[in-house]
Structures are given as structure tokens and as C-alpha cells.
Amino acid sequence: MQTDPVKPVTVKRWLLSAHGAIAFVAGMLSTAAFVIAAPQIQISQKGREFNPGEITIARGEAIDIVNDDGDLLHHAYIESKTFSFDSGDQKPGTRTMIAFPQPGDFIVRCAIHPKMKLLVHVN
């Protein structure tokens, strides 16, 4: 009984494919771990104010703004020379994430309720 030898090219291709797949999975796991480990600070919009009204975060961190008002729309925005953001209208119960890629001091305001202000210090 004679068996066919495995061609070296086929084995080499298989090894390269396996190594590529392992590298891909390892990369995905490390990215997922980073996303899970990255802290998020929750900010409430209720009673026509942000709570808390001032925070300090690291560059790259995100805040999670939640409209906790049962019947009010909100509209978070940031206008600065280095970073701008606009959430559009936020219905009650919705969430808006803002990641801060730049260091500096930023003021988050509500376009509907001009007295609402959140000061974000980004290190």
C-alpha cells in the first residue's frame, strides 16, 4: 500500500494560514480586552442639568451621556478649536457616547437648554 506524500508547498500554505488566523484572533482579543477595560464615565441629563457638572478624564476616554429626563429632549454639543461634537436631538432614555481624542478643557452644552453645562478636563 502506497500513500501519497504531502507536498511541502501545501503544508507551508497551511502553516501560513494557521499563523495568520492565530494572529488575527489574538489581535481581536487584545482589542476587545482594551475596549472592555476602557472606563466610561456616565453623565446624567436630568432636570435641565448635567450630573456631574465637571469631570476629569484621560485622553482617549469616553463619556456616556444618558437622557434621564422622562419627557424632555436634549441635544449635547461641543464647539472648540481642537474638537467638535454634535449629538443631534436625544430622546428620553437614549445614550450618547463622546470620546475625547484631544487633551484640553471642553464645555458640553445642550442646544435646547442653554443653561446646561458640563466641563470636561482631558489630560
PDB file of N, CA and C in Angstrom:
ATOM      1  N   MET A   1       0.834  -1.162   0.000  1.00  0.00           N
ATOM      2  CA  MET A   1       0.000   0.000   0.000  1.00  0.00           C
ATOM      3  C   MET A   1       0.885   1.233   0.000  1.00  0.00           C
ATOM      4  N   GLN A   2       0.606   2.124  -0.912  1.00  0.00           N
ATOM      5  CA  GLN A   2       1.436   3.313  -1.065  1.00  0.00           C
ATOM      6  C   GLN A   2       0.605   4.544  -0.715  1.00  0.00           C
ATOM      7  N   THR A   3       1.192   5.455   0.083  1.00  0.00           N
ATOM      8  CA  THR A   3       0.487   6.683   0.441  1.00  0.00           C
ATOM      9  C   THR A   3       1.097   7.830  -0.331  1.00  0.00           C
ATOM     10  N   ASP A   4       0.282   8.801  -0.609  1.00  0.00           N
ATOM     11  CA  ASP A   4       0.782   9.978  -1.312  1.00  0.00           C
ATOM     12  C   ASP A   4       1.468  10.899  -0.311  1.00  0.00           C
ATOM     13  N   PRO A   5       2.679  11.324  -0.628  1.00  0.00           N
ATOM     14  CA  PRO A   5       3.354  12.248   0.281  1.00  0.00           C
ATOM     15  C   PRO A   5       2.672  13.625   0.230  1.00  0.00           C
ATOM     16  N   VAL A   6       2.699  14.303   1.346  1.00  0.00           N
ATOM     17  CA  VAL A   6       2.142  15.657   1.409  1.00  0.00           C
ATOM     18  C   VAL A   6       3.144  16.582   0.747  1.00  0.00           C
ATOM     19  N   LYS A   7       2.648  17.383  -0.143  1.00  0.00           N
ATOM     20  CA  LYS A   7       3.537  18.296  -0.845  1.00  0.00           C
ATOM     21  C   LYS A   7       3.980  19.397   0.113  1.00  0.00           C
ATOM     22  N   PRO A   8       5.269  19.761   0.136  1.00  0.00           N
ATOM     23  CA  PRO A   8       5.764  20.796   1.030  1.00  0.00           C
ATOM     24  C   PRO A   8       5.064  22.138   0.822  1.00  0.00           C
ATOM     25  N   VAL A   9       4.692  22.453  -0.410  1.00  0.00           N
ATOM     26  CA  VAL A   9       4.041  23.731  -0.672  1.00  0.00           C
ATOM     27  C   VAL A   9       2.691  23.786   0.033  1.00  0.00           C
ATOM     28  N   THR A  10       1.941  22.687   0.016  1.00  0.00           N
ATOM     29  CA  THR A  10       0.632  22.636   0.650  1.00  0.00           C
ATOM     30  C   THR A  10       0.769  22.808   2.161  1.00  0.00           C
ATOM     31  N   VAL A  11       1.730  22.120   2.772  1.00  0.00           N
ATOM     32  CA  VAL A  11       1.949  22.227   4.209  1.00  0.00           C
ATOM     33  C   VAL A  11       2.360  23.653   4.561  1.00  0.00           C
ATOM     34  N   LYS A  12       3.225  24.236   3.767  1.00  0.00           N
ATOM     35  CA  LYS A  12       3.690  25.594   4.023  1.00  0.00           C
ATOM     36  C   LYS A  12       2.521  26.586   3.955  1.00  0.00           C
ATOM     37  N   ARG A  13       1.664  26.439   2.975  1.00  0.00           N
ATOM     38  CA  ARG A  13       0.499  27.312   2.859  1.00  0.00           C
ATOM     39  C   ARG A  13      -0.428  27.142   4.063  1.00  0.00           C
ATOM     40  N   TRP A  14      -0.618  25.906   4.480  1.00  0.00           N
ATOM     41  CA  TRP A  14      -1.486  25.645   5.622  1.00  0.00           C
ATOM     42  C   TRP A  14      -0.914  26.295   6.879  1.00  0.00           C
ATOM     43  N   LEU A  15       0.406  26.161   7.094  1.00  0.00           N
ATOM     44  CA  LEU A  15       1.032  26.770   8.265  1.00  0.00           C
ATOM     45  C   LEU A  15       0.900  28.288   8.234  1.00  0.00           C
ATOM     46  N   LEU A  16       1.101  28.892   7.067  1.00  0.00           N
ATOM     47  CA  LEU A  16       0.962  30.342   6.958  1.00  0.00           C
ATOM     48  C   LEU A  16      -0.470  30.769   7.242  1.00  0.00           C
ATOM     49  N   SER A  17      -1.438  30.003   6.752  1.00  0.00           N
ATOM     50  CA  SER A  17      -2.845  30.318   7.010  1.00  0.00           C
ATOM     51  C   SER A  17      -3.163  30.193   8.493  1.00  0.00           C
ATOM     52  N   ALA A  18      -2.656  29.142   9.125  1.00  0.00           N
ATOM     53  CA  ALA A  18      -2.907  28.931  10.551  1.00  0.00           C
ATOM     54  C   ALA A  18      -2.277  30.053  11.367  1.00  0.00           C
ATOM     55  N   HIS A  19      -1.054  30.448  11.036  1.00  0.00           N
ATOM     56  CA  HIS A  19      -0.391  31.537  11.771  1.00  0.00           C
ATOM     57  C   HIS A  19      -1.144  32.844  11.575  1.00  0.00           C
ATOM     58  N   GLY A  20      -1.621  33.092  10.368  1.00  0.00           N
ATOM     59  CA  GLY A  20      -2.396  34.310  10.101  1.00  0.00           C
ATOM     60  C   GLY A  20      -3.682  34.324  10.901  1.00  0.00           C
ATOM     61  N   ALA A  21      -4.350  33.191  10.984  1.00  0.00           N
ATOM     62  CA  ALA A  21      -5.602  33.102  11.735  1.00  0.00           C
ATOM     63  C   ALA A  21      -5.352  33.313  13.223  1.00  0.00           C
ATOM     64  N   ILE A  22      -4.278  32.736  13.737  1.00  0.00           N
ATOM     65  CA  ILE A  22      -3.946  32.910  15.158  1.00  0.00           C
ATOM     66  C   ILE A  22      -3.632  34.373  15.446  1.00  0.00           C
ATOM     67  N   ALA A  23      -2.860  35.008  14.587  1.00  0.00           N
ATOM     68  CA  ALA A  23      -2.524  36.421  14.771  1.00  0.00           C
ATOM     69  C   ALA A  23      -3.786  37.286  14.728  1.00  0.00           C
ATOM     70  N   PHE A  24      -4.687  36.963  13.819  1.00  0.00           N
ATOM     71  CA  PHE A  24      -5.939  37.725  13.707  1.00  0.00           C
ATOM     72  C   PHE A  24      -6.765  37.598  14.981  1.00  0.00           C
ATOM     73  N   VAL A  25      -6.936  36.357  15.460  1.00  0.00           N
ATOM     74  CA  VAL A  25      -7.728  36.126  16.667  1.00  0.00           C
ATOM     75  C   VAL A  25      -7.070  36.811  17.866  1.00  0.00           C
ATOM     76  N   ALA A  26      -5.744  36.712  17.981  1.00  0.00           N
ATOM     77  CA  ALA A  26      -5.041  37.358  19.097  1.00  0.00           C
ATOM     78  C   ALA A  26      -5.237  38.871  19.039  1.00  0.00           C
ATOM     79  N   GLY A  27      -5.178  39.431  17.853  1.00  0.00           N
ATOM     80  CA  GLY A  27      -5.403  40.869  17.700  1.00  0.00           C
ATOM     81  C   GLY A  27      -6.813  41.265  18.096  1.00  0.00           C
ATOM     82  N   MET A  28      -7.782  40.481  17.708  1.00  0.00           N
ATOM     83  CA  MET A  28      -9.173  40.777  18.058  1.00  0.00           C
ATOM     84  C   MET A  28      -9.373  40.681  19.573  1.00  0.00           C
ATOM     85  N   LEU A  29      -8.774  39.671  20.200  1.00  0.00           N
ATOM     86  CA  LEU A  29      -8.928  39.521  21.644  1.00  0.00           C
ATOM     87  C   LEU A  29      -8.279  40.667  22.393  1.00  0.00           C
ATOM     88  N   SER A  30      -7.094  41.101  21.948  1.00  0.00           N
ATOM     89  CA  SER A  30      -6.441  42.209  22.649  1.00  0.00           C
ATOM     90  C   SER A  30      -7.231  43.490  22.458  1.00  0.00           C
ATOM     91  N   THR A  31      -7.830  43.700  21.285  1.00  0.00           N
ATOM     92  CA  THR A  31      -8.661  44.881  21.050  1.00  0.00           C
ATOM     93  C   THR A  31      -9.910  44.813  21.917  1.00  0.00           C
ATOM     94  N   ALA A  32     -10.541  43.650  21.985  1.00  0.00           N
ATOM     95  CA  ALA A  32     -11.744  43.504  22.799  1.00  0.00           C
ATOM     96  C   ALA A  32     -11.424  43.747  24.266  1.00  0.00           C
ATOM     97  N   ALA A  33     -10.277  43.253  24.727  1.00  0.00           N
ATOM     98  CA  ALA A  33      -9.895  43.470  26.118  1.00  0.00           C
ATOM     99  C   ALA A  33      -9.699  44.956  26.383  1.00  0.00           C
ATOM    100  N   PHE A  34      -9.121  45.672  25.429  1.00  0.00           N
ATOM    101  CA  PHE A  34      -8.916  47.112  25.596  1.00  0.00           C
ATOM    102  C   PHE A  34     -10.249  47.826  25.678  1.00  0.00           C
ATOM    103  N   VAL A  35     -11.182  47.472  24.817  1.00  0.00           N
ATOM    104  CA  VAL A  35     -12.482  48.129  24.815  1.00  0.00           C
ATOM    105  C   VAL A  35     -13.220  47.855  26.118  1.00  0.00           C
ATOM    106  N   ILE A  36     -13.164  46.633  26.598  1.00  0.00           N
ATOM    107  CA  ILE A  36     -13.847  46.280  27.827  1.00  0.00           C
ATOM    108  C   ILE A  36     -13.198  46.985  29.019  1.00  0.00           C
ATOM    109  N   ALA A  37     -11.857  47.091  29.000  1.00  0.00           N
ATOM    110  CA  ALA A  37     -11.141  47.672  30.128  1.00  0.00           C
ATOM    111  C   ALA A  37     -11.229  49.196  30.160  1.00  0.00           C
ATOM    112  N   ALA A  38     -11.511  49.823  29.028  1.00  0.00           N
ATOM    113  CA  ALA A  38     -11.553  51.282  28.985  1.00  0.00           C
ATOM    114  C   ALA A  38     -12.727  51.801  29.809  1.00  0.00           C
ATOM    115  N   PRO A  39     -12.426  52.618  30.823  1.00  0.00           N
ATOM    116  CA  PRO A  39     -13.521  53.104  31.654  1.00  0.00           C
ATOM    117  C   PRO A  39     -14.385  54.123  30.924  1.00  0.00           C
ATOM    118  N   GLN A  40     -15.641  54.117  31.253  1.00  0.00           N
ATOM    119  CA  GLN A  40     -16.574  55.100  30.722  1.00  0.00           C
ATOM    120  C   GLN A  40     -17.232  55.783  31.903  1.00  0.00           C
ATOM    121  N   ILE A  41     -17.333  57.069  31.815  1.00  0.00           N
ATOM    122  CA  ILE A  41     -17.965  57.833  32.874  1.00  0.00           C
ATOM    123  C   ILE A  41     -19.378  58.163  32.425  1.00  0.00           C
ATOM    124  N   GLN A  42     -20.342  57.833  33.257  1.00  0.00           N
ATOM    125  CA  GLN A  42     -21.735  58.084  32.901  1.00  0.00           C
ATOM    126  C   GLN A  42     -22.155  59.452  33.421  1.00  0.00           C
ATOM    127  N   ILE A  43     -22.748  60.219  32.535  1.00  0.00           N
ATOM    128  CA  ILE A  43     -23.258  61.550  32.843  1.00  0.00           C
ATOM    129  C   ILE A  43     -24.771  61.527  32.639  1.00  0.00           C
ATOM    130  N   SER A  44     -25.495  62.014  33.625  1.00  0.00           N
ATOM    131  CA  SER A  44     -26.956  62.060  33.529  1.00  0.00           C
ATOM    132  C   SER A  44     -27.417  63.442  33.073  1.00  0.00           C
ATOM    133  N   GLN A  45     -28.415  63.460  32.202  1.00  0.00           N
ATOM    134  CA  GLN A  45     -29.103  64.693  31.827  1.00  0.00           C
ATOM    135  C   GLN A  45     -30.482  64.599  32.466  1.00  0.00           C
ATOM    136  N   LYS A  46     -30.694  65.391  33.504  1.00  0.00           N
ATOM    137  CA  LYS A  46     -31.976  65.343  34.198  1.00  0.00           C
ATOM    138  C   LYS A  46     -32.222  66.673  34.890  1.00  0.00           C
ATOM    139  N   GLY A  47     -33.461  67.126  34.834  1.00  0.00           N
ATOM    140  CA  GLY A  47     -33.795  68.385  35.488  1.00  0.00           C
ATOM    141  C   GLY A  47     -33.067  69.565  34.882  1.00  0.00           C
ATOM    142  N   ARG A  48     -32.826  69.482  33.590  1.00  0.00           N
ATOM    143  CA  ARG A  48     -32.136  70.539  32.843  1.00  0.00           C
ATOM    144  C   ARG A  48     -30.723  70.816  33.356  1.00  0.00           C
ATOM    145  N   GLU A  49     -30.022  69.725  33.770  1.00  0.00           N
ATOM    146  CA  GLU A  49     -28.612  69.857  34.118  1.00  0.00           C
ATOM    147  C   GLU A  49     -27.876  68.551  33.869  1.00  0.00           C
ATOM    148  N   PHE A  50     -26.557  68.689  33.694  1.00  0.00           N
ATOM    149  CA  PHE A  50     -25.678  67.531  33.596  1.00  0.00           C
ATOM    150  C   PHE A  50     -25.262  67.175  35.020  1.00  0.00           C
ATOM    151  N   ASN A  51     -25.209  65.875  35.311  1.00  0.00           N
ATOM    152  CA  ASN A  51     -24.774  65.449  36.629  1.00  0.00           C
ATOM    153  C   ASN A  51     -23.819  64.275  36.493  1.00  0.00           C
ATOM    154  N   PRO A  52     -22.553  64.407  36.893  1.00  0.00           N
ATOM    155  CA  PRO A  52     -21.939  65.569  37.495  1.00  0.00           C
ATOM    156  C   PRO A  52     -21.747  66.692  36.480  1.00  0.00           C
ATOM    157  N   GLY A  53     -21.454  67.873  36.972  1.00  0.00           N
ATOM    158  CA  GLY A  53     -21.287  69.039  36.105  1.00  0.00           C
ATOM    159  C   GLY A  53     -19.860  69.294  35.680  1.00  0.00           C
ATOM    160  N   GLU A  54     -18.908  68.532  36.266  1.00  0.00           N
ATOM    161  CA  GLU A  54     -17.494  68.687  35.913  1.00  0.00           C
ATOM    162  C   GLU A  54     -16.783  67.363  36.147  1.00  0.00           C
ATOM    163  N   ILE A  55     -15.934  66.968  35.179  1.00  0.00           N
ATOM    164  CA  ILE A  55     -15.191  65.713  35.295  1.00  0.00           C
ATOM    165  C   ILE A  55     -13.794  65.892  34.721  1.00  0.00           C
ATOM    166  N   THR A  56     -12.900  64.982  35.103  1.00  0.00           N
ATOM    167  CA  THR A  56     -11.558  64.917  34.542  1.00  0.00           C
ATOM    168  C   THR A  56     -11.352  63.504  34.028  1.00  0.00           C
ATOM    169  N   ILE A  57     -10.901  63.394  32.773  1.00  0.00           N
ATOM    170  CA  ILE A  57     -10.654  62.089  32.160  1.00  0.00           C
ATOM    171  C   ILE A  57      -9.309  62.122  31.441  1.00  0.00           C
ATOM    172  N   ALA A  58      -8.858  60.973  31.001  1.00  0.00           N
ATOM    173  CA  ALA A  58      -7.632  60.865  30.215  1.00  0.00           C
ATOM    174  C   ALA A  58      -7.973  60.955  28.731  1.00  0.00           C
ATOM    175  N   ARG A  59      -7.028  61.432  27.950  1.00  0.00           N
ATOM    176  CA  ARG A  59      -7.220  61.494  26.500  1.00  0.00           C
ATOM    177  C   ARG A  59      -7.561  60.101  25.983  1.00  0.00           C
ATOM    178  N   GLY A  60      -8.556  60.026  25.108  1.00  0.00           N
ATOM    179  CA  GLY A  60      -8.995  58.755  24.548  1.00  0.00           C
ATOM    180  C   GLY A  60     -10.151  58.127  25.292  1.00  0.00           C
ATOM    181  N   GLU A  61     -10.412  58.567  26.517  1.00  0.00           N
ATOM    182  CA  GLU A  61     -11.545  58.027  27.261  1.00  0.00           C
ATOM    183  C   GLU A  61     -12.845  58.606  26.719  1.00  0.00           C
ATOM    184  N   ALA A  62     -13.930  57.914  27.049  1.00  0.00           N
ATOM    185  CA  ALA A  62     -15.248  58.329  26.563  1.00  0.00           C
ATOM    186  C   ALA A  62     -16.175  58.589  27.736  1.00  0.00           C
ATOM    187  N   ILE A  63     -17.124  59.460  27.493  1.00  0.00           N
ATOM    188  CA  ILE A  63     -18.197  59.656  28.457  1.00  0.00           C
ATOM    189  C   ILE A  63     -19.487  59.158  27.814  1.00  0.00           C
ATOM    190  N   ASP A  64     -20.382  58.692  28.654  1.00  0.00           N
ATOM    191  CA  ASP A  64     -21.661  58.153  28.215  1.00  0.00           C
ATOM    192  C   ASP A  64     -22.740  59.073  28.781  1.00  0.00           C
ATOM    193  N   ILE A  65     -23.339  59.877  27.927  1.00  0.00           N
ATOM    194  CA  ILE A  65     -24.368  60.816  28.371  1.00  0.00           C
ATOM    195  C   ILE A  65     -25.736  60.165  28.190  1.00  0.00           C
ATOM    196  N   VAL A  66     -26.486  60.101  29.285  1.00  0.00           N
ATOM    197  CA  VAL A  66     -27.791  59.446  29.284  1.00  0.00           C
ATOM    198  C   VAL A  66     -28.873  60.488  29.529  1.00  0.00           C
ATOM    199  N   ASN A  67     -29.877  60.527  28.648  1.00  0.00           N
ATOM    200  CA  ASN A  67     -31.020  61.416  28.861  1.00  0.00           C
ATOM    201  C   ASN A  67     -31.958  60.724  29.835  1.00  0.00           C
ATOM    202  N   ASP A  68     -31.852  61.122  31.104  1.00  0.00           N
ATOM    203  CA  ASP A  68     -32.678  60.529  32.162  1.00  0.00           C
ATOM    204  C   ASP A  68     -33.978  61.287  32.389  1.00  0.00           C
ATOM    205  N   ASP A  69     -34.242  62.307  31.587  1.00  0.00           N
ATOM    206  CA  ASP A  69     -35.499  63.041  31.713  1.00  0.00           C
ATOM    207  C   ASP A  69     -36.600  62.261  31.018  1.00  0.00           C
ATOM    208  N   GLY A  70     -37.719  62.100  31.694  1.00  0.00           N
ATOM    209  CA  GLY A  70     -38.820  61.309  31.160  1.00  0.00           C
ATOM    210  C   GLY A  70     -39.542  61.938  29.991  1.00  0.00           C
ATOM    211  N   ASP A  71     -39.489  63.267  29.875  1.00  0.00           N
ATOM    212  CA  ASP A  71     -40.277  63.907  28.817  1.00  0.00           C
ATOM    213  C   ASP A  71     -39.544  65.042  28.085  1.00  0.00           C
ATOM    214  N   LEU A  72     -38.241  65.211  28.329  1.00  0.00           N
ATOM    215  CA  LEU A  72     -37.507  66.310  27.689  1.00  0.00           C
ATOM    216  C   LEU A  72     -36.492  65.812  26.674  1.00  0.00           C
ATOM    217  N   LEU A  73     -36.444  66.483  25.536  1.00  0.00           N
ATOM    218  CA  LEU A  73     -35.361  66.262  24.591  1.00  0.00           C
ATOM    219  C   LEU A  73     -34.128  67.007  25.088  1.00  0.00           C
ATOM    220  N   HIS A  74     -32.954  66.480  24.763  1.00  0.00           N
ATOM    221  CA  HIS A  74     -31.697  67.183  24.985  1.00  0.00           C
ATOM    222  C   HIS A  74     -30.910  67.128  23.684  1.00  0.00           C
ATOM    223  N   HIS A  75     -29.816  67.875  23.635  1.00  0.00           N
ATOM    224  CA  HIS A  75     -29.010  67.952  22.411  1.00  0.00           C
ATOM    225  C   HIS A  75     -27.606  68.389  22.815  1.00  0.00           C
ATOM    226  N   ALA A  76     -26.711  67.421  23.063  1.00  0.00           N
ATOM    227  CA  ALA A  76     -25.359  67.722  23.529  1.00  0.00           C
ATOM    228  C   ALA A  76     -24.473  68.138  22.361  1.00  0.00           C
ATOM    229  N   TYR A  77     -23.661  69.167  22.598  1.00  0.00           N
ATOM    230  CA  TYR A  77     -22.702  69.581  21.578  1.00  0.00           C
ATOM    231  C   TYR A  77     -21.467  70.181  22.232  1.00  0.00           C
ATOM    232  N   ILE A  78     -20.361  70.149  21.477  1.00  0.00           N
ATOM    233  CA  ILE A  78     -19.094  70.760  21.876  1.00  0.00           C
ATOM    234  C   ILE A  78     -18.598  71.557  20.680  1.00  0.00           C
ATOM    235  N   GLU A  79     -18.208  72.790  20.921  1.00  0.00           N
ATOM    236  CA  GLU A  79     -17.585  73.611  19.881  1.00  0.00           C
ATOM    237  C   GLU A  79     -16.292  74.164  20.447  1.00  0.00           C
ATOM    238  N   SER A  80     -15.163  73.723  19.877  1.00  0.00           N
ATOM    239  CA  SER A  80     -13.866  74.270  20.271  1.00  0.00           C
ATOM    240  C   SER A  80     -12.962  74.268  19.042  1.00  0.00           C
ATOM    241  N   LYS A  81     -11.817  74.899  19.155  1.00  0.00           N
ATOM    242  CA  LYS A  81     -10.884  74.949  18.020  1.00  0.00           C
ATOM    243  C   LYS A  81     -10.270  73.587  17.736  1.00  0.00           C
ATOM    244  N   THR A  82     -10.163  72.734  18.761  1.00  0.00           N
ATOM    245  CA  THR A  82      -9.489  71.447  18.582  1.00  0.00           C
ATOM    246  C   THR A  82     -10.426  70.245  18.495  1.00  0.00           C
ATOM    247  N   PHE A  83     -11.681  70.411  18.915  1.00  0.00           N
ATOM    248  CA  PHE A  83     -12.589  69.260  18.926  1.00  0.00           C
ATOM    249  C   PHE A  83     -14.034  69.734  18.899  1.00  0.00           C
ATOM    250  N   SER A  84     -14.828  69.153  18.020  1.00  0.00           N
ATOM    251  CA  SER A  84     -16.258  69.478  17.944  1.00  0.00           C
ATOM    252  C   SER A  84     -17.070  68.191  17.962  1.00  0.00           C
ATOM    253  N   PHE A  85     -18.274  68.306  18.483  1.00  0.00           N
ATOM    254  CA  PHE A  85     -19.183  67.159  18.554  1.00  0.00           C
ATOM    255  C   PHE A  85     -20.612  67.676  18.551  1.00  0.00           C
ATOM    256  N   ASP A  86     -21.521  66.918  17.938  1.00  0.00           N
ATOM    257  CA  ASP A  86     -22.944  67.258  17.946  1.00  0.00           C
ATOM    258  C   ASP A  86     -23.738  65.967  17.967  1.00  0.00           C
ATOM    259  N   SER A  87     -24.530  65.775  19.025  1.00  0.00           N
ATOM    260  CA  SER A  87     -25.288  64.532  19.174  1.00  0.00           C
ATOM    261  C   SER A  87     -26.564  64.506  18.364  1.00  0.00           C
ATOM    262  N   GLY A  88     -27.050  65.687  17.964  1.00  0.00           N
ATOM    263  CA  GLY A  88     -28.399  65.734  17.426  1.00  0.00           C
ATOM    264  C   GLY A  88     -29.366  65.620  18.591  1.00  0.00           C
ATOM    265  N   ASP A  89     -30.663  65.606  18.301  1.00  0.00           N
ATOM    266  CA  ASP A  89     -31.653  65.516  19.381  1.00  0.00           C
ATOM    267  C   ASP A  89     -31.571  64.155  20.071  1.00  0.00           C
ATOM    268  N   GLN A  90     -31.638  64.195  21.393  1.00  0.00           N
ATOM    269  CA  GLN A  90     -31.581  62.986  22.210  1.00  0.00           C
ATOM    270  C   GLN A  90     -32.930  62.799  22.894  1.00  0.00           C
ATOM    271  N   LYS A  91     -33.629  61.780  22.488  1.00  0.00           N
ATOM    272  CA  LYS A  91     -34.926  61.478  23.100  1.00  0.00           C
ATOM    273  C   LYS A  91     -34.723  60.922  24.512  1.00  0.00           C
ATOM    274  N   PRO A  92     -35.738  61.023  25.361  1.00  0.00           N
ATOM    275  CA  PRO A  92     -35.642  60.455  26.711  1.00  0.00           C
ATOM    276  C   PRO A  92     -35.246  58.979  26.655  1.00  0.00           C
ATOM    277  N   GLY A  93     -34.311  58.614  27.545  1.00  0.00           N
ATOM    278  CA  GLY A  93     -33.849  57.225  27.620  1.00  0.00           C
ATOM    279  C   GLY A  93     -32.699  56.886  26.700  1.00  0.00           C
ATOM    280  N   THR A  94     -32.316  57.785  25.790  1.00  0.00           N
ATOM    281  CA  THR A  94     -31.229  57.470  24.865  1.00  0.00           C
ATOM    282  C   THR A  94     -29.871  57.819  25.467  1.00  0.00           C
ATOM    283  N   ARG A  95     -28.826  57.230  24.861  1.00  0.00           N
ATOM    284  CA  ARG A  95     -27.441  57.418  25.306  1.00  0.00           C
ATOM    285  C   ARG A  95     -26.625  58.002  24.165  1.00  0.00           C
ATOM    286  N   THR A  96     -25.646  58.808  24.524  1.00  0.00           N
ATOM    287  CA  THR A  96     -24.720  59.382  23.549  1.00  0.00           C
ATOM    288  C   THR A  96     -23.303  59.222  24.089  1.00  0.00           C
ATOM    289  N   MET A  97     -22.436  58.612  23.300  1.00  0.00           N
ATOM    290  CA  MET A  97     -21.030  58.442  23.684  1.00  0.00           C
ATOM    291  C   MET A  97     -20.200  59.542  23.040  1.00  0.00           C
ATOM    292  N   ILE A  98     -19.304  60.118  23.820  1.00  0.00           N
ATOM    293  CA  ILE A  98     -18.355  61.091  23.289  1.00  0.00           C
ATOM    294  C   ILE A  98     -16.967  60.657  23.730  1.00  0.00           C
ATOM    295  N   ALA A  99     -16.104  60.330  22.767  1.00  0.00           N
ATOM    296  CA  ALA A  99     -14.704  60.014  23.043  1.00  0.00           C
ATOM    297  C   ALA A  99     -13.892  61.278  22.799  1.00  0.00           C
ATOM    298  N   PHE A 100     -12.948  61.540  23.674  1.00  0.00           N
ATOM    299  CA  PHE A 100     -12.157  62.765  23.604  1.00  0.00           C
ATOM    300  C   PHE A 100     -10.733  62.437  23.149  1.00  0.00           C
ATOM    301  N   PRO A 101     -10.439  62.687  21.861  1.00  0.00           N
ATOM    302  CA  PRO A 101      -9.129  62.347  21.320  1.00  0.00           C
ATOM    303  C   PRO A 101      -8.050  63.393  21.612  1.00  0.00           C
ATOM    304  N   GLN A 102      -8.442  64.556  22.067  1.00  0.00           N
ATOM    305  CA  GLN A 102      -7.514  65.666  22.288  1.00  0.00           C
ATOM    306  C   GLN A 102      -7.488  66.040  23.766  1.00  0.00           C
ATOM    307  N   PRO A 103      -6.308  66.389  24.296  1.00  0.00           N
ATOM    308  CA  PRO A 103      -6.292  66.944  25.650  1.00  0.00           C
ATOM    309  C   PRO A 103      -6.803  68.381  25.635  1.00  0.00           C
ATOM    310  N   GLY A 104      -7.294  68.847  26.765  1.00  0.00           N
ATOM    311  CA  GLY A 104      -7.777  70.215  26.879  1.00  0.00           C
ATOM    312  C   GLY A 104      -9.010  70.281  27.749  1.00  0.00           C
ATOM    313  N   ASP A 105      -9.567  71.465  27.843  1.00  0.00           N
ATOM    314  CA  ASP A 105     -10.805  71.689  28.588  1.00  0.00           C
ATOM    315  C   ASP A 105     -11.927  71.924  27.594  1.00  0.00           C
ATOM    316  N   PHE A 106     -13.014  71.196  27.752  1.00  0.00           N
ATOM    317  CA  PHE A 106     -14.133  71.269  26.814  1.00  0.00           C
ATOM    318  C   PHE A 106     -15.425  71.499  27.584  1.00  0.00           C
ATOM    319  N   ILE A 107     -16.311  72.274  26.985  1.00  0.00           N
ATOM    320  CA  ILE A 107     -17.624  72.509  27.572  1.00  0.00           C
ATOM    321  C   ILE A 107     -18.663  71.813  26.712  1.00  0.00           C
ATOM    322  N   VAL A 108     -19.403  70.901  27.343  1.00  0.00           N
ATOM    323  CA  VAL A 108     -20.516  70.232  26.685  1.00  0.00           C
ATOM    324  C   VAL A 108     -21.762  71.011  27.070  1.00  0.00           C
ATOM    325  N   ARG A 109     -22.522  71.409  26.088  1.00  0.00           N
ATOM    326  CA  ARG A 109     -23.749  72.181  26.324  1.00  0.00           C
ATOM    327  C   ARG A 109     -24.932  71.458  25.694  1.00  0.00           C
ATOM    328  N   CYS A 110     -26.126  71.906  26.084  1.00  0.00           N
ATOM    329  CA  CYS A 110     -27.358  71.407  25.483  1.00  0.00           C
ATOM    330  C   CYS A 110     -27.922  72.518  24.604  1.00  0.00           C
ATOM    331  N   ALA A 111     -28.144  72.223  23.345  1.00  0.00           N
ATOM    332  CA  ALA A 111     -28.663  73.223  22.404  1.00  0.00           C
ATOM    333  C   ALA A 111     -30.112  73.592  22.720  1.00  0.00           C
ATOM    334  N   ILE A 112     -30.810  72.769  23.453  1.00  0.00           N
ATOM    335  CA  ILE A 112     -32.211  73.037  23.787  1.00  0.00           C
ATOM    336  C   ILE A 112     -32.326  73.801  25.107  1.00  0.00           C
ATOM    337  N   HIS A 113     -31.431  73.501  26.046  1.00  0.00           N
ATOM    338  CA  HIS A 113     -31.447  74.130  27.372  1.00  0.00           C
ATOM    339  C   HIS A 113     -30.099  74.824  27.583  1.00  0.00           C
ATOM    340  N   PRO A 114     -29.966  76.086  27.191  1.00  0.00           N
ATOM    341  CA  PRO A 114     -28.669  76.782  27.183  1.00  0.00           C
ATOM    342  C   PRO A 114     -27.978  76.899  28.538  1.00  0.00           C
ATOM    343  N   LYS A 115     -28.686  76.738  29.642  1.00  0.00           N
ATOM    344  CA  LYS A 115     -28.047  76.831  30.956  1.00  0.00           C
ATOM    345  C   LYS A 115     -27.326  75.538  31.340  1.00  0.00           C
ATOM    346  N   MET A 116     -27.596  74.452  30.609  1.00  0.00           N
ATOM    347  CA  MET A 116     -26.932  73.178  30.897  1.00  0.00           C
ATOM    348  C   MET A 116     -25.479  73.252  30.452  1.00  0.00           C
ATOM    349  N   LYS A 117     -24.561  72.846  31.353  1.00  0.00           N
ATOM    350  CA  LYS A 117     -23.147  72.904  31.023  1.00  0.00           C
ATOM    351  C   LYS A 117     -22.407  71.796  31.767  1.00  0.00           C
ATOM    352  N   LEU A 118     -21.557  71.083  31.020  1.00  0.00           N
ATOM    353  CA  LEU A 118     -20.675  70.067  31.595  1.00  0.00           C
ATOM    354  C   LEU A 118     -19.256  70.441  31.216  1.00  0.00           C
ATOM    355  N   LEU A 119     -18.370  70.592  32.199  1.00  0.00           N
ATOM    356  CA  LEU A 119     -16.976  70.914  31.937  1.00  0.00           C
ATOM    357  C   LEU A 119     -16.168  69.618  31.979  1.00  0.00           C
ATOM    358  N   VAL A 120     -15.475  69.334  30.879  1.00  0.00           N
ATOM    359  CA  VAL A 120     -14.677  68.107  30.778  1.00  0.00           C
ATOM    360  C   VAL A 120     -13.216  68.501  30.652  1.00  0.00           C
ATOM    361  N   HIS A 121     -12.398  68.083  31.625  1.00  0.00           N
ATOM    362  CA  HIS A 121     -10.950  68.285  31.582  1.00  0.00           C
ATOM    363  C   HIS A 121     -10.335  66.997  31.057  1.00  0.00           C
ATOM    364  N   VAL A 122      -9.607  67.079  29.942  1.00  0.00           N
ATOM    365  CA  VAL A 122      -8.986  65.907  29.337  1.00  0.00           C
ATOM    366  C   VAL A 122      -7.471  66.030  29.468  1.00  0.00           C
ATOM    367  N   ASN A 123      -6.862  65.116  30.224  1.00  0.00           N
ATOM    368  CA  ASN A 123      -5.394  65.136  30.424  1.00  0.00           C
ATOM    369  C   ASN A 123      -4.678  64.450  29.284  1.00  0.00           C
TER     370      ASN A 123
END
